[in-house]
């Protein structure tokens, strides 16, 4: 089962992501980092894997990336976009 809520449709490209919640008739946009995280979550990657990959790819501090990714995922959950 995908962790992305079944009522969600999305488009991801190098600029970010557009997320449509068809049940709530709402749309969100994410920057490129948010789009990256969204895409990896949809592929079933764990938060730890996403943090490791993102920190490695960007050369950013892993602790900062971890905090930011986890906060983003909590926001997704609170908006009923991600089920975990």
PDB file of N, CA and C in Angstrom:
ATOM      1  N   UNK A   1       0.835  -1.185   0.000  1.00  0.00           N
ATOM      2  CA  UNK A   1       0.000   0.000   0.000  1.00  0.00           C
ATOM      3  C   UNK A   1       0.880   1.249   0.000  1.00  0.00           C
ATOM      4  N   UNK A   2       0.556   2.191  -0.843  1.00  0.00           N
ATOM      5  CA  UNK A   2       1.312   3.435  -0.927  1.00  0.00           C
ATOM      6  C   UNK A   2       1.041   4.296   0.301  1.00  0.00           C
ATOM      7  N   UNK A   3       2.081   4.983   0.806  1.00  0.00           N
ATOM      8  CA  UNK A   3       1.871   5.874   1.946  1.00  0.00           C
ATOM      9  C   UNK A   3       1.170   7.175   1.557  1.00  0.00           C
ATOM     10  N   UNK A   4       1.032   7.412   0.256  1.00  0.00           N
ATOM     11  CA  UNK A   4       0.341   8.607  -0.220  1.00  0.00           C
ATOM     12  C   UNK A   4      -1.157   8.325  -0.186  1.00  0.00           C
ATOM     13  N   UNK A   5      -1.913   9.254   0.367  1.00  0.00           N
ATOM     14  CA  UNK A   5      -3.356   9.081   0.473  1.00  0.00           C
ATOM     15  C   UNK A   5      -3.964   8.826  -0.908  1.00  0.00           C
ATOM     16  N   UNK A   6      -4.969   7.943  -1.005  1.00  0.00           N
ATOM     17  CA  UNK A   6      -5.522   7.556  -2.308  1.00  0.00           C
ATOM     18  C   UNK A   6      -6.234   8.675  -3.055  1.00  0.00           C
ATOM     19  N   UNK A   7      -6.619   9.733  -2.376  1.00  0.00           N
ATOM     20  CA  UNK A   7      -7.326  10.842  -3.012  1.00  0.00           C
ATOM     21  C   UNK A   7      -6.372  11.922  -3.535  1.00  0.00           C
ATOM     22  N   UNK A   8      -5.083  11.625  -3.580  1.00  0.00           N
ATOM     23  CA  UNK A   8      -4.065  12.599  -3.958  1.00  0.00           C
ATOM     24  C   UNK A   8      -3.543  12.318  -5.359  1.00  0.00           C
ATOM     25  N   UNK A   9      -3.399  13.370  -6.134  1.00  0.00           N
ATOM     26  CA  UNK A   9      -2.760  13.307  -7.444  1.00  0.00           C
ATOM     27  C   UNK A   9      -1.610  14.296  -7.415  1.00  0.00           C
ATOM     28  N   UNK A  10      -0.520  13.981  -8.077  1.00  0.00           N
ATOM     29  CA  UNK A  10       0.622  14.890  -8.035  1.00  0.00           C
ATOM     30  C   UNK A  10       1.409  14.871  -9.335  1.00  0.00           C
ATOM     31  N   UNK A  11       2.094  15.971  -9.555  1.00  0.00           N
ATOM     32  CA  UNK A  11       3.034  16.116 -10.655  1.00  0.00           C
ATOM     33  C   UNK A  11       4.323  16.645 -10.042  1.00  0.00           C
ATOM     34  N   UNK A  12       5.435  15.955 -10.323  1.00  0.00           N
ATOM     35  CA  UNK A  12       6.734  16.356  -9.786  1.00  0.00           C
ATOM     36  C   UNK A  12       7.682  16.580 -10.951  1.00  0.00           C
ATOM     37  N   UNK A  13       8.405  17.705 -10.906  1.00  0.00           N
ATOM     38  CA  UNK A  13       9.469  17.934 -11.873  1.00  0.00           C
ATOM     39  C   UNK A  13      10.636  18.614 -11.162  1.00  0.00           C
ATOM     40  N   UNK A  14      11.617  19.082 -11.899  1.00  0.00           N
ATOM     41  CA  UNK A  14      12.817  19.649 -11.284  1.00  0.00           C
ATOM     42  C   UNK A  14      12.538  20.948 -10.516  1.00  0.00           C
ATOM     43  N   UNK A  15      11.407  21.586 -10.771  1.00  0.00           N
ATOM     44  CA  UNK A  15      11.049  22.822 -10.074  1.00  0.00           C
ATOM     45  C   UNK A  15      10.305  22.581  -8.764  1.00  0.00           C
ATOM     46  N   UNK A  16       9.763  21.386  -8.577  1.00  0.00           N
ATOM     47  CA  UNK A  16       9.004  21.090  -7.370  1.00  0.00           C
ATOM     48  C   UNK A  16       7.851  20.158  -7.662  1.00  0.00           C
ATOM     49  N   UNK A  17       6.760  20.349  -6.938  1.00  0.00           N
ATOM     50  CA  UNK A  17       5.605  19.464  -7.095  1.00  0.00           C
ATOM     51  C   UNK A  17       4.317  20.257  -6.937  1.00  0.00           C
ATOM     52  N   UNK A  18       3.297  19.773  -7.629  1.00  0.00           N
ATOM     53  CA  UNK A  18       1.936  20.274  -7.464  1.00  0.00           C
ATOM     54  C   UNK A  18       1.119  19.081  -6.983  1.00  0.00           C
ATOM     55  N   UNK A  19       0.449  19.265  -5.867  1.00  0.00           N
ATOM     56  CA  UNK A  19      -0.325  18.200  -5.238  1.00  0.00           C
ATOM     57  C   UNK A  19      -1.796  18.603  -5.239  1.00  0.00           C
ATOM     58  N   UNK A  20      -2.642  17.730  -5.741  1.00  0.00           N
ATOM     59  CA  UNK A  20      -4.076  17.975  -5.784  1.00  0.00           C
ATOM     60  C   UNK A  20      -4.769  16.968  -4.885  1.00  0.00           C
ATOM     61  N   UNK A  21      -5.518  17.469  -3.936  1.00  0.00           N
ATOM     62  CA  UNK A  21      -6.336  16.637  -3.062  1.00  0.00           C
ATOM     63  C   UNK A  21      -7.752  16.684  -3.626  1.00  0.00           C
ATOM     64  N   UNK A  22      -8.147  15.639  -4.352  1.00  0.00           N
ATOM     65  CA  UNK A  22      -9.433  15.659  -5.042  1.00  0.00           C
ATOM     66  C   UNK A  22     -10.615  15.573  -4.076  1.00  0.00           C
ATOM     67  N   UNK A  23     -10.427  14.995  -2.920  1.00  0.00           N
ATOM     68  CA  UNK A  23     -11.522  14.909  -1.946  1.00  0.00           C
ATOM     69  C   UNK A  23     -11.807  16.274  -1.324  1.00  0.00           C
ATOM     70  N   UNK A  24     -10.749  17.030  -1.047  1.00  0.00           N
ATOM     71  CA  UNK A  24     -10.914  18.335  -0.395  1.00  0.00           C
ATOM     72  C   UNK A  24     -10.905  19.493  -1.390  1.00  0.00           C
ATOM     73  N   UNK A  25     -10.755  19.172  -2.668  1.00  0.00           N
ATOM     74  CA  UNK A  25     -10.719  20.188  -3.719  1.00  0.00           C
ATOM     75  C   UNK A  25      -9.705  21.283  -3.392  1.00  0.00           C
ATOM     76  N   UNK A  26      -8.478  20.847  -3.070  1.00  0.00           N
ATOM     77  CA  UNK A  26      -7.424  21.810  -2.753  1.00  0.00           C
ATOM     78  C   UNK A  26      -6.136  21.444  -3.479  1.00  0.00           C
ATOM     79  N   UNK A  27      -5.275  22.442  -3.625  1.00  0.00           N
ATOM     80  CA  UNK A  27      -4.017  22.245  -4.317  1.00  0.00           C
ATOM     81  C   UNK A  27      -2.893  22.859  -3.496  1.00  0.00           C
ATOM     82  N   UNK A  28      -1.761  22.164  -3.445  1.00  0.00           N
ATOM     83  CA  UNK A  28      -0.564  22.653  -2.776  1.00  0.00           C
ATOM     84  C   UNK A  28       0.592  22.605  -3.755  1.00  0.00           C
ATOM     85  N   UNK A  29       1.546  23.480  -3.559  1.00  0.00           N
ATOM     86  CA  UNK A  29       2.777  23.415  -4.346  1.00  0.00           C
ATOM     87  C   UNK A  29       3.952  23.310  -3.389  1.00  0.00           C
ATOM     88  N   UNK A  30       4.957  22.567  -3.815  1.00  0.00           N
ATOM     89  CA  UNK A  30       6.184  22.394  -3.044  1.00  0.00           C
ATOM     90  C   UNK A  30       7.363  22.851  -3.879  1.00  0.00           C
ATOM     91  N   UNK A  31       8.398  23.353  -3.221  1.00  0.00           N
ATOM     92  CA  UNK A  31       9.624  23.700  -3.934  1.00  0.00           C
ATOM     93  C   UNK A  31      10.337  22.415  -4.361  1.00  0.00           C
ATOM     94  N   UNK A  32      11.507  22.550  -4.959  1.00  0.00           N
ATOM     95  CA  UNK A  32      12.199  21.374  -5.489  1.00  0.00           C
ATOM     96  C   UNK A  32      12.570  20.372  -4.394  1.00  0.00           C
ATOM     97  N   UNK A  33      12.929  20.847  -3.219  1.00  0.00           N
ATOM     98  CA  UNK A  33      13.256  19.928  -2.125  1.00  0.00           C
ATOM     99  C   UNK A  33      12.010  19.193  -1.654  1.00  0.00           C
ATOM    100  N   UNK A  34      10.918  19.913  -1.504  1.00  0.00           N
ATOM    101  CA  UNK A  34       9.655  19.271  -1.131  1.00  0.00           C
ATOM    102  C   UNK A  34       9.217  18.268  -2.183  1.00  0.00           C
ATOM    103  N   UNK A  35       9.410  18.617  -3.441  1.00  0.00           N
ATOM    104  CA  UNK A  35       9.084  17.695  -4.533  1.00  0.00           C
ATOM    105  C   UNK A  35       9.927  16.437  -4.480  1.00  0.00           C
ATOM    106  N   UNK A  36      11.201  16.600  -4.160  1.00  0.00           N
ATOM    107  CA  UNK A  36      12.116  15.462  -4.036  1.00  0.00           C
ATOM    108  C   UNK A  36      11.639  14.520  -2.923  1.00  0.00           C
ATOM    109  N   UNK A  37      11.342  15.102  -1.758  1.00  0.00           N
ATOM    110  CA  UNK A  37      10.888  14.297  -0.620  1.00  0.00           C
ATOM    111  C   UNK A  37       9.563  13.619  -0.967  1.00  0.00           C
ATOM    112  N   UNK A  38       8.638  14.349  -1.544  1.00  0.00           N
ATOM    113  CA  UNK A  38       7.336  13.796  -1.924  1.00  0.00           C
ATOM    114  C   UNK A  38       7.511  12.610  -2.865  1.00  0.00           C
ATOM    115  N   UNK A  39       8.336  12.784  -3.881  1.00  0.00           N
ATOM    116  CA  UNK A  39       8.551  11.722  -4.859  1.00  0.00           C
ATOM    117  C   UNK A  39       9.141  10.475  -4.206  1.00  0.00           C
ATOM    118  N   UNK A  40      10.124  10.662  -3.326  1.00  0.00           N
ATOM    119  CA  UNK A  40      10.759   9.520  -2.648  1.00  0.00           C
ATOM    120  C   UNK A  40       9.791   8.825  -1.706  1.00  0.00           C
ATOM    121  N   UNK A  41       8.946   9.582  -1.015  1.00  0.00           N
ATOM    122  CA  UNK A  41       7.927   8.965  -0.158  1.00  0.00           C
ATOM    123  C   UNK A  41       6.983   8.111  -1.000  1.00  0.00           C
ATOM    124  N   UNK A  42       6.593   8.630  -2.147  1.00  0.00           N
ATOM    125  CA  UNK A  42       5.711   7.893  -3.048  1.00  0.00           C
ATOM    126  C   UNK A  42       6.332   6.620  -3.583  1.00  0.00           C
ATOM    127  N   UNK A  43       7.670   6.588  -3.634  1.00  0.00           N
ATOM    128  CA  UNK A  43       8.394   5.401  -4.077  1.00  0.00           C
ATOM    129  C   UNK A  43       8.586   4.395  -2.945  1.00  0.00           C
ATOM    130  N   UNK A  44       8.116   4.772  -1.743  1.00  0.00           N
ATOM    131  CA  UNK A  44       8.223   3.863  -0.613  1.00  0.00           C
ATOM    132  C   UNK A  44       9.520   3.964   0.169  1.00  0.00           C
ATOM    133  N   UNK A  45      10.323   4.989  -0.103  1.00  0.00           N
ATOM    134  CA  UNK A  45      11.573   5.160   0.645  1.00  0.00           C
ATOM    135  C   UNK A  45      11.253   5.572   2.073  1.00  0.00           C
ATOM    136  N   UNK A  46      12.094   5.131   3.003  1.00  0.00           N
ATOM    137  CA  UNK A  46      11.915   5.512   4.403  1.00  0.00           C
ATOM    138  C   UNK A  46      12.421   6.938   4.610  1.00  0.00           C
ATOM    139  N   UNK A  47      11.987   7.543   5.675  1.00  0.00           N
ATOM    140  CA  UNK A  47      12.438   8.890   5.995  1.00  0.00           C
ATOM    141  C   UNK A  47      13.944   8.894   6.190  1.00  0.00           C
ATOM    142  N   UNK A  48      14.481   7.889   6.851  1.00  0.00           N
ATOM    143  CA  UNK A  48      15.932   7.816   7.054  1.00  0.00           C
ATOM    144  C   UNK A  48      16.684   7.740   5.728  1.00  0.00           C
ATOM    145  N   UNK A  49      16.166   6.961   4.779  1.00  0.00           N
ATOM    146  CA  UNK A  49      16.803   6.870   3.457  1.00  0.00           C
ATOM    147  C   UNK A  49      16.765   8.220   2.740  1.00  0.00           C
ATOM    148  N   UNK A  50      15.635   8.888   2.824  1.00  0.00           N
ATOM    149  CA  UNK A  50      15.487  10.189   2.175  1.00  0.00           C
ATOM    150  C   UNK A  50      16.457  11.189   2.785  1.00  0.00           C
ATOM    151  N   UNK A  51      16.544  11.212   4.096  1.00  0.00           N
ATOM    152  CA  UNK A  51      17.457  12.126   4.787  1.00  0.00           C
ATOM    153  C   UNK A  51      18.896  11.854   4.361  1.00  0.00           C
ATOM    154  N   UNK A  52      19.297  10.594   4.378  1.00  0.00           N
ATOM    155  CA  UNK A  52      20.668  10.245   3.995  1.00  0.00           C
ATOM    156  C   UNK A  52      20.971  10.668   2.566  1.00  0.00           C
ATOM    157  N   UNK A  53      20.051  10.367   1.647  1.00  0.00           N
ATOM    158  CA  UNK A  53      20.260  10.711   0.233  1.00  0.00           C
ATOM    159  C   UNK A  53      20.303  12.223   0.033  1.00  0.00           C
ATOM    160  N   UNK A  54      19.390  12.929   0.648  1.00  0.00           N
ATOM    161  CA  UNK A  54      19.312  14.373   0.474  1.00  0.00           C
ATOM    162  C   UNK A  54      20.535  15.070   1.075  1.00  0.00           C
ATOM    163  N   UNK A  55      20.944  14.650   2.257  1.00  0.00           N
ATOM    164  CA  UNK A  55      22.135  15.242   2.880  1.00  0.00           C
ATOM    165  C   UNK A  55      23.367  14.976   2.026  1.00  0.00           C
ATOM    166  N   UNK A  56      23.477  13.775   1.510  1.00  0.00           N
ATOM    167  CA  UNK A  56      24.613  13.416   0.660  1.00  0.00           C
ATOM    168  C   UNK A  56      24.596  14.202  -0.646  1.00  0.00           C
ATOM    169  N   UNK A  57      23.437  14.277  -1.290  1.00  0.00           N
ATOM    170  CA  UNK A  57      23.315  14.966  -2.579  1.00  0.00           C
ATOM    171  C   UNK A  57      23.582  16.460  -2.477  1.00  0.00           C
ATOM    172  N   UNK A  58      23.192  17.069  -1.358  1.00  0.00           N
ATOM    173  CA  UNK A  58      23.302  18.526  -1.225  1.00  0.00           C
ATOM    174  C   UNK A  58      24.508  18.972  -0.403  1.00  0.00           C
ATOM    175  N   UNK A  59      25.147  18.034   0.290  1.00  0.00           N
ATOM    176  CA  UNK A  59      26.268  18.401   1.158  1.00  0.00           C
ATOM    177  C   UNK A  59      25.820  19.135   2.403  1.00  0.00           C
ATOM    178  N   UNK A  60      24.551  18.991   2.748  1.00  0.00           N
ATOM    179  CA  UNK A  60      23.991  19.676   3.918  1.00  0.00           C
ATOM    180  C   UNK A  60      24.218  18.861   5.183  1.00  0.00           C
ATOM    181  N   UNK A  61      24.100  19.549   6.307  1.00  0.00           N
ATOM    182  CA  UNK A  61      24.244  18.901   7.609  1.00  0.00           C
ATOM    183  C   UNK A  61      23.130  17.875   7.793  1.00  0.00           C
ATOM    184  N   UNK A  62      23.474  16.604   8.022  1.00  0.00           N
ATOM    185  CA  UNK A  62      22.446  15.564   8.169  1.00  0.00           C
ATOM    186  C   UNK A  62      21.431  15.845   9.282  1.00  0.00           C
ATOM    187  N   UNK A  63      21.866  16.447  10.372  1.00  0.00           N
ATOM    188  CA  UNK A  63      20.935  16.733  11.473  1.00  0.00           C
ATOM    189  C   UNK A  63      19.900  17.774  11.048  1.00  0.00           C
ATOM    190  N   UNK A  64      20.331  18.764  10.300  1.00  0.00           N
ATOM    191  CA  UNK A  64      19.416  19.793   9.812  1.00  0.00           C
ATOM    192  C   UNK A  64      18.442  19.200   8.804  1.00  0.00           C
ATOM    193  N   UNK A  65      18.960  18.386   7.888  1.00  0.00           N
ATOM    194  CA  UNK A  65      18.114  17.737   6.888  1.00  0.00           C
ATOM    195  C   UNK A  65      17.098  16.842   7.578  1.00  0.00           C
ATOM    196  N   UNK A  66      17.527  16.091   8.564  1.00  0.00           N
ATOM    197  CA  UNK A  66      16.638  15.197   9.305  1.00  0.00           C
ATOM    198  C   UNK A  66      15.498  15.983   9.948  1.00  0.00           C
ATOM    199  N   UNK A  67      15.834  17.051  10.628  1.00  0.00           N
ATOM    200  CA  UNK A  67      14.817  17.876  11.295  1.00  0.00           C
ATOM    201  C   UNK A  67      13.824  18.440  10.283  1.00  0.00           C
ATOM    202  N   UNK A  68      14.348  18.964   9.172  1.00  0.00           N
ATOM    203  CA  UNK A  68      13.481  19.589   8.174  1.00  0.00           C
ATOM    204  C   UNK A  68      12.590  18.570   7.463  1.00  0.00           C
ATOM    205  N   UNK A  69      13.146  17.417   7.117  1.00  0.00           N
ATOM    206  CA  UNK A  69      12.357  16.391   6.425  1.00  0.00           C
ATOM    207  C   UNK A  69      11.263  15.867   7.348  1.00  0.00           C
ATOM    208  N   UNK A  70      11.593  15.618   8.591  1.00  0.00           N
ATOM    209  CA  UNK A  70      10.586  15.117   9.531  1.00  0.00           C
ATOM    210  C   UNK A  70       9.473  16.152   9.760  1.00  0.00           C
ATOM    211  N   UNK A  71       9.824  17.419   9.833  1.00  0.00           N
ATOM    212  CA  UNK A  71       8.813  18.470   9.983  1.00  0.00           C
ATOM    213  C   UNK A  71       7.923  18.519   8.739  1.00  0.00           C
ATOM    214  N   UNK A  72       8.514  18.366   7.557  1.00  0.00           N
ATOM    215  CA  UNK A  72       7.755  18.363   6.310  1.00  0.00           C
ATOM    216  C   UNK A  72       6.792  17.182   6.274  1.00  0.00           C
ATOM    217  N   UNK A  73       7.256  16.014   6.677  1.00  0.00           N
ATOM    218  CA  UNK A  73       6.400  14.828   6.684  1.00  0.00           C
ATOM    219  C   UNK A  73       5.247  15.004   7.680  1.00  0.00           C
ATOM    220  N   UNK A  74       5.520  15.603   8.814  1.00  0.00           N
ATOM    221  CA  UNK A  74       4.443  15.866   9.777  1.00  0.00           C
ATOM    222  C   UNK A  74       3.413  16.824   9.190  1.00  0.00           C
ATOM    223  N   UNK A  75       3.875  17.802   8.417  1.00  0.00           N
ATOM    224  CA  UNK A  75       2.950  18.716   7.750  1.00  0.00           C
ATOM    225  C   UNK A  75       2.098  17.965   6.725  1.00  0.00           C
ATOM    226  N   UNK A  76       2.725  17.054   5.988  1.00  0.00           N
ATOM    227  CA  UNK A  76       1.974  16.236   5.030  1.00  0.00           C
ATOM    228  C   UNK A  76       0.894  15.425   5.741  1.00  0.00           C
ATOM    229  N   UNK A  77       1.267  14.828   6.875  1.00  0.00           N
ATOM    230  CA  UNK A  77       0.306  14.048   7.645  1.00  0.00           C
ATOM    231  C   UNK A  77      -0.841  14.916   8.151  1.00  0.00           C
ATOM    232  N   UNK A  78      -0.524  16.095   8.656  1.00  0.00           N
ATOM    233  CA  UNK A  78      -1.570  16.966   9.207  1.00  0.00           C
ATOM    234  C   UNK A  78      -2.519  17.465   8.112  1.00  0.00           C
ATOM    235  N   UNK A  79      -2.050  17.484   6.870  1.00  0.00           N
ATOM    236  CA  UNK A  79      -2.896  17.873   5.751  1.00  0.00           C
ATOM    237  C   UNK A  79      -3.521  16.661   5.063  1.00  0.00           C
ATOM    238  N   UNK A  80      -3.383  15.494   5.683  1.00  0.00           N
ATOM    239  CA  UNK A  80      -3.982  14.248   5.188  1.00  0.00           C
ATOM    240  C   UNK A  80      -3.494  13.855   3.799  1.00  0.00           C
ATOM    241  N   UNK A  81      -2.223  14.169   3.514  1.00  0.00           N
ATOM    242  CA  UNK A  81      -1.635  13.840   2.228  1.00  0.00           C
ATOM    243  C   UNK A  81      -0.802  12.574   2.284  1.00  0.00           C
ATOM    244  N   UNK A  82      -0.385  12.215   3.475  1.00  0.00           N
ATOM    245  CA  UNK A  82       0.536  11.098   3.669  1.00  0.00           C
ATOM    246  C   UNK A  82       0.030  10.260   4.832  1.00  0.00           C
ATOM    247  N   UNK A  83       0.008   8.948   4.631  1.00  0.00           N
ATOM    248  CA  UNK A  83      -0.478   8.024   5.648  1.00  0.00           C
ATOM    249  C   UNK A  83       0.700   7.207   6.144  1.00  0.00           C
ATOM    250  N   UNK A  84       0.969   7.275   7.419  1.00  0.00           N
ATOM    251  CA  UNK A  84       2.073   6.476   7.983  1.00  0.00           C
ATOM    252  C   UNK A  84       1.779   6.111   9.414  1.00  0.00           C
TER     253      UNK A  84
END
